[in-house]
PDB file of N, CA and C in Angstrom:
ATOM      1  N   MET A   1     -29.184 100.602   5.405  1.00  0.00           N
ATOM      2  CA  MET A   1     -30.269 100.083   4.602  1.00  0.00           C
ATOM      3  C   MET A   1     -30.286  98.570   4.758  1.00  0.00           C
ATOM      4  N   GLN A   2     -31.448  98.031   4.890  1.00  0.00           N
ATOM      5  CA  GLN A   2     -31.610  96.593   4.945  1.00  0.00           C
ATOM      6  C   GLN A   2     -32.456  96.147   3.772  1.00  0.00           C
ATOM      7  N   VAL A   3     -32.101  95.021   3.216  1.00  0.00           N
ATOM      8  CA  VAL A   3     -32.865  94.469   2.106  1.00  0.00           C
ATOM      9  C   VAL A   3     -33.172  93.012   2.393  1.00  0.00           C
ATOM     10  N   SER A   4     -34.242  92.542   1.828  1.00  0.00           N
ATOM     11  CA  SER A   4     -34.603  91.135   1.920  1.00  0.00           C
ATOM     12  C   SER A   4     -34.246  90.475   0.602  1.00  0.00           C
ATOM     13  N   LEU A   5     -33.581  89.338   0.684  1.00  0.00           N
ATOM     14  CA  LEU A   5     -33.184  88.640  -0.524  1.00  0.00           C
ATOM     15  C   LEU A   5     -34.287  87.690  -0.971  1.00  0.00           C
ATOM     16  N   THR A   6     -34.466  87.626  -2.263  1.00  0.00           N
ATOM     17  CA  THR A   6     -35.361  86.605  -2.806  1.00  0.00           C
ATOM     18  C   THR A   6     -34.665  85.253  -2.654  1.00  0.00           C
ATOM     19  N   LEU A   7     -35.394  84.194  -2.853  1.00  0.00           N
ATOM     20  CA  LEU A   7     -34.817  82.865  -2.773  1.00  0.00           C
ATOM     21  C   LEU A   7     -33.673  82.725  -3.779  1.00  0.00           C
ATOM     22  N   TYR A   8     -33.889  83.238  -4.988  1.00  0.00           N
ATOM     23  CA  TYR A   8     -32.866  83.155  -6.027  1.00  0.00           C
ATOM     24  C   TYR A   8     -31.618  83.945  -5.619  1.00  0.00           C
ATOM     25  N   ALA A   9     -31.806  85.161  -5.121  1.00  0.00           N
ATOM     26  CA  ALA A   9     -30.665  85.978  -4.690  1.00  0.00           C
ATOM     27  C   ALA A   9     -29.926  85.289  -3.546  1.00  0.00           C
ATOM     28  N   ASP A  10     -30.652  84.682  -2.651  1.00  0.00           N
ATOM     29  CA  ASP A  10     -30.019  83.958  -1.549  1.00  0.00           C
ATOM     30  C   ASP A  10     -29.199  82.786  -2.075  1.00  0.00           C
ATOM     31  N   GLN A  11     -29.713  82.094  -3.088  1.00  0.00           N
ATOM     32  CA  GLN A  11     -28.973  80.982  -3.687  1.00  0.00           C
ATOM     33  C   GLN A  11     -27.694  81.488  -4.353  1.00  0.00           C
ATOM     34  N   LEU A  12     -27.787  82.616  -5.034  1.00  0.00           N
ATOM     35  CA  LEU A  12     -26.599  83.197  -5.650  1.00  0.00           C
ATOM     36  C   LEU A  12     -25.572  83.573  -4.590  1.00  0.00           C
ATOM     37  N   LEU A  13     -26.023  84.158  -3.497  1.00  0.00           N
ATOM     38  CA  LEU A  13     -25.123  84.528  -2.417  1.00  0.00           C
ATOM     39  C   LEU A  13     -24.476  83.285  -1.809  1.00  0.00           C
ATOM     40  N   GLN A  14     -25.251  82.232  -1.634  1.00  0.00           N
ATOM     41  CA  GLN A  14     -24.699  80.987  -1.108  1.00  0.00           C
ATOM     42  C   GLN A  14     -23.635  80.428  -2.041  1.00  0.00           C
ATOM     43  N   ARG A  15     -23.864  80.555  -3.346  1.00  0.00           N
ATOM     44  CA  ARG A  15     -22.877  80.091  -4.324  1.00  0.00           C
ATOM     45  C   ARG A  15     -21.583  80.899  -4.193  1.00  0.00           C
ATOM     46  N   MET A  16     -21.714  82.221  -4.023  1.00  0.00           N
ATOM     47  CA  MET A  16     -20.520  83.049  -3.832  1.00  0.00           C
ATOM     48  C   MET A  16     -19.778  82.645  -2.567  1.00  0.00           C
ATOM     49  N   MET A  17     -20.523  82.374  -1.506  1.00  0.00           N
ATOM     50  CA  MET A  17     -19.902  81.975  -0.245  1.00  0.00           C
ATOM     51  C   MET A  17     -19.161  80.642  -0.418  1.00  0.00           C
ATOM     52  N   SER A  18     -19.701  79.746  -1.224  1.00  0.00           N
ATOM     53  CA  SER A  18     -19.043  78.452  -1.442  1.00  0.00           C
ATOM     54  C   SER A  18     -17.756  78.610  -2.254  1.00  0.00           C
ATOM     55  N   LEU A  19     -17.606  79.742  -2.945  1.00  0.00           N
ATOM     56  CA  LEU A  19     -16.396  80.004  -3.711  1.00  0.00           C
ATOM     57  C   LEU A  19     -15.283  80.621  -2.869  1.00  0.00           C
ATOM     58  N   GLY A  20     -15.566  80.835  -1.592  1.00  0.00           N
ATOM     59  CA  GLY A  20     -14.494  81.309  -0.714  1.00  0.00           C
ATOM     60  C   GLY A  20     -14.728  82.636  -0.044  1.00  0.00           C
ATOM     61  N   TYR A  21     -15.808  83.310  -0.374  1.00  0.00           N
ATOM     62  CA  TYR A  21     -16.098  84.555   0.323  1.00  0.00           C
ATOM     63  C   TYR A  21     -16.496  84.221   1.756  1.00  0.00           C
ATOM     64  N   ARG A  22     -15.956  84.963   2.710  1.00  0.00           N
ATOM     65  CA  ARG A  22     -16.247  84.655   4.111  1.00  0.00           C
ATOM     66  C   ARG A  22     -17.328  85.542   4.690  1.00  0.00           C
ATOM     67  N   ASP A  23     -17.516  86.691   4.089  1.00  0.00           N
ATOM     68  CA  ASP A  23     -18.460  87.675   4.621  1.00  0.00           C
ATOM     69  C   ASP A  23     -19.530  87.969   3.573  1.00  0.00           C
ATOM     70  N   PRO A  24     -20.786  87.710   3.866  1.00  0.00           N
ATOM     71  CA  PRO A  24     -21.848  87.959   2.876  1.00  0.00           C
ATOM     72  C   PRO A  24     -21.903  89.421   2.425  1.00  0.00           C
ATOM     73  N   VAL A  25     -21.637  90.332   3.335  1.00  0.00           N
ATOM     74  CA  VAL A  25     -21.668  91.753   2.966  1.00  0.00           C
ATOM     75  C   VAL A  25     -20.581  92.033   1.939  1.00  0.00           C
ATOM     76  N   GLN A  26     -19.380  91.487   2.158  1.00  0.00           N
ATOM     77  CA  GLN A  26     -18.285  91.681   1.210  1.00  0.00           C
ATOM     78  C   GLN A  26     -18.653  91.083  -0.149  1.00  0.00           C
ATOM     79  N   ALA A  27     -19.249  89.909  -0.146  1.00  0.00           N
ATOM     80  CA  ALA A  27     -19.630  89.263  -1.395  1.00  0.00           C
ATOM     81  C   ALA A  27     -20.634  90.117  -2.166  1.00  0.00           C
ATOM     82  N   ILE A  28     -21.594  90.685  -1.462  1.00  0.00           N
ATOM     83  CA  ILE A  28     -22.594  91.542  -2.108  1.00  0.00           C
ATOM     84  C   ILE A  28     -21.943  92.814  -2.633  1.00  0.00           C
ATOM     85  N   GLU A  29     -21.043  93.417  -1.847  1.00  0.00           N
ATOM     86  CA  GLU A  29     -20.352  94.626  -2.301  1.00  0.00           C
ATOM     87  C   GLU A  29     -19.554  94.363  -3.572  1.00  0.00           C
ATOM     88  N   ILE A  30     -18.845  93.249  -3.594  1.00  0.00           N
ATOM     89  CA  ILE A  30     -18.055  92.907  -4.780  1.00  0.00           C
ATOM     90  C   ILE A  30     -18.964  92.679  -5.975  1.00  0.00           C
ATOM     91  N   ALA A  31     -20.086  92.001  -5.756  1.00  0.00           N
ATOM     92  CA  ALA A  31     -21.030  91.769  -6.854  1.00  0.00           C
ATOM     93  C   ALA A  31     -21.574  93.089  -7.401  1.00  0.00           C
ATOM     94  N   LEU A  32     -21.889  94.014  -6.508  1.00  0.00           N
ATOM     95  CA  LEU A  32     -22.382  95.319  -6.951  1.00  0.00           C
ATOM     96  C   LEU A  32     -21.294  96.094  -7.697  1.00  0.00           C
ATOM     97  N   GLU A  33     -20.063  96.012  -7.197  1.00  0.00           N
ATOM     98  CA  GLU A  33     -18.952  96.667  -7.893  1.00  0.00           C
ATOM     99  C   GLU A  33     -18.805  96.108  -9.302  1.00  0.00           C
ATOM    100  N   ARG A  34     -18.933  94.794  -9.431  1.00  0.00           N
ATOM    101  CA  ARG A  34     -18.831  94.173 -10.756  1.00  0.00           C
ATOM    102  C   ARG A  34     -19.930  94.651 -11.677  1.00  0.00           C
ATOM    103  N   MET A  35     -21.126  94.839 -11.128  1.00  0.00           N
ATOM    104  CA  MET A  35     -22.224  95.346 -11.943  1.00  0.00           C
ATOM    105  C   MET A  35     -21.909  96.741 -12.454  1.00  0.00           C
ATOM    106  N   VAL A  36     -21.388  97.585 -11.576  1.00  0.00           N
ATOM    107  CA  VAL A  36     -21.041  98.950 -11.972  1.00  0.00           C
ATOM    108  C   VAL A  36     -19.926  98.919 -13.015  1.00  0.00           C
ATOM    109  N   GLU A  37     -18.909  98.102 -12.772  1.00  0.00           N
ATOM    110  CA  GLU A  37     -17.806  97.993 -13.728  1.00  0.00           C
ATOM    111  C   GLU A  37     -18.302  97.464 -15.067  1.00  0.00           C
ATOM    112  N   SER A  38     -19.228  96.527 -15.023  1.00  0.00           N
ATOM    113  CA  SER A  38     -19.794  95.982 -16.248  1.00  0.00           C
ATOM    114  C   SER A  38     -20.504  97.065 -17.048  1.00  0.00           C
ATOM    115  N   GLU A  39     -21.244  97.893 -16.346  1.00  0.00           N
ATOM    116  CA  GLU A  39     -21.924  98.999 -17.016  1.00  0.00           C
ATOM    117  C   GLU A  39     -20.919  99.962 -17.628  1.00  0.00           C
ATOM    118  N   MET A  40     -19.825 100.217 -16.905  1.00  0.00           N
ATOM    119  CA  MET A  40     -18.791 101.107 -17.429  1.00  0.00           C
ATOM    120  C   MET A  40     -18.155 100.514 -18.669  1.00  0.00           C
ATOM    121  N   ASN A  41     -17.935  99.195 -18.676  1.00  0.00           N
ATOM    122  CA  ASN A  41     -17.303  98.545 -19.814  1.00  0.00           C
ATOM    123  C   ASN A  41     -18.188  98.589 -21.054  1.00  0.00           C
ATOM    124  N   ARG A  42     -19.476  98.608 -20.843  1.00  0.00           N
ATOM    125  CA  ARG A  42     -20.379  98.673 -21.991  1.00  0.00           C
ATOM    126  C   ARG A  42     -20.206  99.972 -22.755  1.00  0.00           C
ATOM    127  N   ASP A  43     -19.822 100.994 -22.041  1.00  0.00           N
ATOM    128  CA  ASP A  43     -19.633 102.294 -22.679  1.00  0.00           C
ATOM    129  C   ASP A  43     -18.341 102.365 -23.468  1.00  0.00           C
ATOM    130  N   ASP A  44     -17.447 101.383 -23.257  1.00  0.00           N
ATOM    131  CA  ASP A  44     -16.123 101.441 -23.881  1.00  0.00           C
ATOM    132  C   ASP A  44     -15.496 102.812 -23.675  1.00  0.00           C
ATOM    133  N   SER A  45     -15.556 103.275 -22.436  1.00  0.00           N
ATOM    134  CA  SER A  45     -15.028 104.593 -22.127  1.00  0.00           C
ATOM    135  C   SER A  45     -13.528 104.633 -22.381  1.00  0.00           C
ATOM    136  N   PRO A  46     -12.984 105.784 -22.749  1.00  0.00           N
ATOM    137  CA  PRO A  46     -11.542 105.903 -22.999  1.00  0.00           C
ATOM    138  C   PRO A  46     -10.705 105.475 -21.793  1.00  0.00           C
ATOM    139  N   GLU A  47     -11.216 105.726 -20.581  1.00  0.00           N
ATOM    140  CA  GLU A  47     -10.462 105.342 -19.387  1.00  0.00           C
ATOM    141  C   GLU A  47     -10.331 103.833 -19.290  1.00  0.00           C
ATOM    142  N   ILE A  48     -11.420 103.124 -19.556  1.00  0.00           N
ATOM    143  CA  ILE A  48     -11.408 101.671 -19.486  1.00  0.00           C
ATOM    144  C   ILE A  48     -10.507 101.100 -20.574  1.00  0.00           C
ATOM    145  N   ILE A  49     -10.606 101.622 -21.761  1.00  0.00           N
ATOM    146  CA  ILE A  49      -9.778 101.131 -22.863  1.00  0.00           C
ATOM    147  C   ILE A  49      -8.299 101.363 -22.546  1.00  0.00           C
ATOM    148  N   GLU A  50      -7.967 102.522 -22.016  1.00  0.00           N
ATOM    149  CA  GLU A  50      -6.574 102.802 -21.650  1.00  0.00           C
ATOM    150  C   GLU A  50      -6.102 101.882 -20.540  1.00  0.00           C
ATOM    151  N   TRP A  51      -6.945 101.648 -19.546  1.00  0.00           N
ATOM    152  CA  TRP A  51      -6.591 100.729 -18.464  1.00  0.00           C
ATOM    153  C   TRP A  51      -6.315  99.340 -19.022  1.00  0.00           C
ATOM    154  N   MET A  52      -7.172  98.886 -19.924  1.00  0.00           N
ATOM    155  CA  MET A  52      -6.992  97.559 -20.511  1.00  0.00           C
ATOM    156  C   MET A  52      -5.688  97.501 -21.307  1.00  0.00           C
ATOM    157  N   ARG A  53      -5.373  98.551 -22.037  1.00  0.00           N
ATOM    158  CA  ARG A  53      -4.114  98.578 -22.798  1.00  0.00           C
ATOM    159  C   ARG A  53      -2.916  98.471 -21.865  1.00  0.00           C
ATOM    160  N   GLN A  54      -2.975  99.198 -20.758  1.00  0.00           N
ATOM    161  CA  GLN A  54      -1.884  99.153 -19.786  1.00  0.00           C
ATOM    162  C   GLN A  54      -1.728  97.758 -19.194  1.00  0.00           C
ATOM    163  N   GLU A  55      -2.855  97.139 -18.854  1.00  0.00           N
ATOM    164  CA  GLU A  55      -2.801  95.801 -18.269  1.00  0.00           C
ATOM    165  C   GLU A  55      -2.262  94.780 -19.276  1.00  0.00           C
ATOM    166  N   VAL A  56      -2.653  94.888 -20.525  1.00  0.00           N
ATOM    167  CA  VAL A  56      -2.145  93.986 -21.557  1.00  0.00           C
ATOM    168  C   VAL A  56      -0.641  94.197 -21.746  1.00  0.00           C
ATOM    169  N   ALA A  57      -0.209  95.451 -21.730  1.00  0.00           N
ATOM    170  CA  ALA A  57       1.220  95.750 -21.876  1.00  0.00           C
ATOM    171  C   ALA A  57       2.024  95.144 -20.723  1.00  0.00           C
ATOM    172  N   ILE A  58       1.484  95.243 -19.517  1.00  0.00           N
ATOM    173  CA  ILE A  58       2.156  94.650 -18.354  1.00  0.00           C
ATOM    174  C   ILE A  58       2.273  93.139 -18.539  1.00  0.00           C
ATOM    175  N   GLY A  59       1.179  92.511 -18.938  1.00  0.00           N
ATOM    176  CA  GLY A  59       1.182  91.062 -19.147  1.00  0.00           C
ATOM    177  C   GLY A  59       2.142  90.641 -20.248  1.00  0.00           C
ATOM    178  N   ALA A  60       2.179  91.396 -21.332  1.00  0.00           N
ATOM    179  CA  ALA A  60       3.085  91.075 -22.433  1.00  0.00           C
ATOM    180  C   ALA A  60       4.543  91.195 -21.977  1.00  0.00           C
ATOM    181  N   SER A  61       4.829  92.226 -21.221  1.00  0.00           N
ATOM    182  CA  SER A  61       6.185  92.414 -20.702  1.00  0.00           C
ATOM    183  C   SER A  61       6.581  91.266 -19.785  1.00  0.00           C
ATOM    184  N   GLN A  62       5.671  90.877 -18.927  1.00  0.00           N
ATOM    185  CA  GLN A  62       5.953  89.767 -18.013  1.00  0.00           C
ATOM    186  C   GLN A  62       6.169  88.467 -18.791  1.00  0.00           C
ATOM    187  N   ALA A  63       5.373  88.240 -19.811  1.00  0.00           N
ATOM    188  CA  ALA A  63       5.507  87.022 -20.614  1.00  0.00           C
ATOM    189  C   ALA A  63       6.856  86.984 -21.314  1.00  0.00           C
ATOM    190  N   GLU A  64       7.298  88.129 -21.828  1.00  0.00           N
ATOM    191  CA  GLU A  64       8.589  88.204 -22.500  1.00  0.00           C
ATOM    192  C   GLU A  64       9.743  87.891 -21.545  1.00  0.00           C
ATOM    193  N   LYS A  65       9.554  88.215 -20.266  1.00  0.00           N
ATOM    194  CA  LYS A  65      10.580  87.958 -19.248  1.00  0.00           C
ATOM    195  C   LYS A  65      10.470  86.542 -18.678  1.00  0.00           C
ATOM    196  N   GLY A  66       9.480  85.796 -19.122  1.00  0.00           N
ATOM    197  CA  GLY A  66       9.286  84.448 -18.614  1.00  0.00           C
ATOM    198  C   GLY A  66       8.629  84.412 -17.250  1.00  0.00           C
ATOM    199  N   GLU A  67       7.961  85.481 -16.885  1.00  0.00           N
ATOM    200  CA  GLU A  67       7.285  85.554 -15.593  1.00  0.00           C
ATOM    201  C   GLU A  67       5.871  85.009 -15.731  1.00  0.00           C
ATOM    202  N   PHE A  68       5.727  83.750 -15.385  1.00  0.00           N
ATOM    203  CA  PHE A  68       4.433  83.093 -15.486  1.00  0.00           C
ATOM    204  C   PHE A  68       3.971  82.650 -14.114  1.00  0.00           C
ATOM    205  N   SER A  69       2.704  82.499 -13.968  1.00  0.00           N
ATOM    206  CA  SER A  69       2.120  82.052 -12.716  1.00  0.00           C
ATOM    207  C   SER A  69       1.730  80.581 -12.825  1.00  0.00           C
ATOM    208  N   THR A  70       1.885  79.883 -11.731  1.00  0.00           N
ATOM    209  CA  THR A  70       1.432  78.498 -11.685  1.00  0.00           C
ATOM    210  C   THR A  70       0.041  78.395 -11.068  1.00  0.00           C
ATOM    211  N   LEU A  71      -0.528  79.549 -10.739  1.00  0.00           N
ATOM    212  CA  LEU A  71      -1.866  79.574 -10.146  1.00  0.00           C
ATOM    213  C   LEU A  71      -2.924  79.325 -11.206  1.00  0.00           C
ATOM    214  N   SER A  72      -4.030  78.764 -10.794  1.00  0.00           N
ATOM    215  CA  SER A  72      -5.151  78.592 -11.705  1.00  0.00           C
ATOM    216  C   SER A  72      -5.842  79.945 -11.895  1.00  0.00           C
ATOM    217  N   LEU A  73      -6.662  80.028 -12.917  1.00  0.00           N
ATOM    218  CA  LEU A  73      -7.401  81.264 -13.168  1.00  0.00           C
ATOM    219  C   LEU A  73      -8.260  81.625 -11.968  1.00  0.00           C
ATOM    220  N   GLY A  74      -8.891  80.619 -11.339  1.00  0.00           N
ATOM    221  CA  GLY A  74      -9.713  80.858 -10.163  1.00  0.00           C
ATOM    222  C   GLY A  74      -8.904  81.417  -9.002  1.00  0.00           C
ATOM    223  N   GLU A  75      -7.686  80.888  -8.805  1.00  0.00           N
ATOM    224  CA  GLU A  75      -6.824  81.386  -7.722  1.00  0.00           C
ATOM    225  C   GLU A  75      -6.369  82.815  -7.986  1.00  0.00           C
ATOM    226  N   ILE A  76      -6.037  83.090  -9.227  1.00  0.00           N
ATOM    227  CA  ILE A  76      -5.632  84.460  -9.585  1.00  0.00           C
ATOM    228  C   ILE A  76      -6.807  85.413  -9.368  1.00  0.00           C
ATOM    229  N   LYS A  77      -7.967  84.999  -9.807  1.00  0.00           N
ATOM    230  CA  LYS A  77      -9.174  85.819  -9.659  1.00  0.00           C
ATOM    231  C   LYS A  77      -9.435  86.122  -8.176  1.00  0.00           C
ATOM    232  N   ALA A  78      -9.307  85.117  -7.338  1.00  0.00           N
ATOM    233  CA  ALA A  78      -9.528  85.314  -5.900  1.00  0.00           C
ATOM    234  C   ALA A  78      -8.517  86.312  -5.327  1.00  0.00           C
ATOM    235  N   GLN A  79      -7.258  86.199  -5.733  1.00  0.00           N
ATOM    236  CA  GLN A  79      -6.238  87.137  -5.267  1.00  0.00           C
ATOM    237  C   GLN A  79      -6.540  88.556  -5.715  1.00  0.00           C
ATOM    238  N   VAL A  80      -6.940  88.708  -6.964  1.00  0.00           N
ATOM    239  CA  VAL A  80      -7.243  90.040  -7.489  1.00  0.00           C
ATOM    240  C   VAL A  80      -8.420  90.648  -6.731  1.00  0.00           C
ATOM    241  N   LEU A  81      -9.439  89.849  -6.450  1.00  0.00           N
ATOM    242  CA  LEU A  81     -10.601  90.355  -5.724  1.00  0.00           C
ATOM    243  C   LEU A  81     -10.216  90.804  -4.318  1.00  0.00           C
ATOM    244  N   VAL A  82      -9.367  90.036  -3.651  1.00  0.00           N
ATOM    245  CA  VAL A  82      -8.917  90.414  -2.315  1.00  0.00           C
ATOM    246  C   VAL A  82      -8.118  91.705  -2.375  1.00  0.00           C
ATOM    247  N   GLN A  83      -7.195  91.798  -3.320  1.00  0.00           N
ATOM    248  CA  GLN A  83      -6.404  93.011  -3.461  1.00  0.00           C
ATOM    249  C   GLN A  83      -7.272  94.218  -3.786  1.00  0.00           C
ATOM    250  N   HIS A  84      -8.243  94.008  -4.653  1.00  0.00           N
ATOM    251  CA  HIS A  84      -9.160  95.098  -5.012  1.00  0.00           C
ATOM    252  C   HIS A  84      -9.929  95.581  -3.797  1.00  0.00           C
ATOM    253  N   GLN A  85     -10.414  94.641  -3.007  1.00  0.00           N
ATOM    254  CA  GLN A  85     -11.163  94.994  -1.800  1.00  0.00           C
ATOM    255  C   GLN A  85     -10.273  95.741  -0.824  1.00  0.00           C
ATOM    256  N   GLN A  86      -9.024  95.329  -0.686  1.00  0.00           N
ATOM    257  CA  GLN A  86      -8.084  95.997   0.207  1.00  0.00           C
ATOM    258  C   GLN A  86      -7.812  97.421  -0.269  1.00  0.00           C
ATOM    259  N   ASN A  87      -7.738  97.606  -1.578  1.00  0.00           N
ATOM    260  CA  ASN A  87      -7.500  98.943  -2.130  1.00  0.00           C
ATOM    261  C   ASN A  87      -8.679  99.870  -1.868  1.00  0.00           C
ATOM    262  N   LEU A  88      -9.877  99.315  -1.768  1.00  0.00           N
ATOM    263  CA  LEU A  88     -11.058 100.123  -1.502  1.00  0.00           C
ATOM    264  C   LEU A  88     -11.151 100.537  -0.042  1.00  0.00           C
ATOM    265  N   SER A  89     -10.489  99.763   0.826  1.00  0.00           N
ATOM    266  CA  SER A  89     -10.566 100.050   2.278  1.00  0.00           C
ATOM    267  C   SER A  89      -9.664 101.179   2.665  1.00  0.00           C
TER     268      SER A  89
END
């Protein structure tokens, strides 16, 4: 399927590319995944709530052990996105 981007959509894609995405297709796929995940979160589904509880528990355990990151939030976010994309492949 091929789509034509509006000027605004193209600007958004350019902004994503400036944040470190190297492949426009990957950037669009990630954006679409986020949209789907956002819709799922709106439902407050039991699966999402349980996943969030597990992630918070992991973080709390790491904090208690003194396991902290020196990375910025943006760097952590970029790593998570790369790992997520790798898990999908």
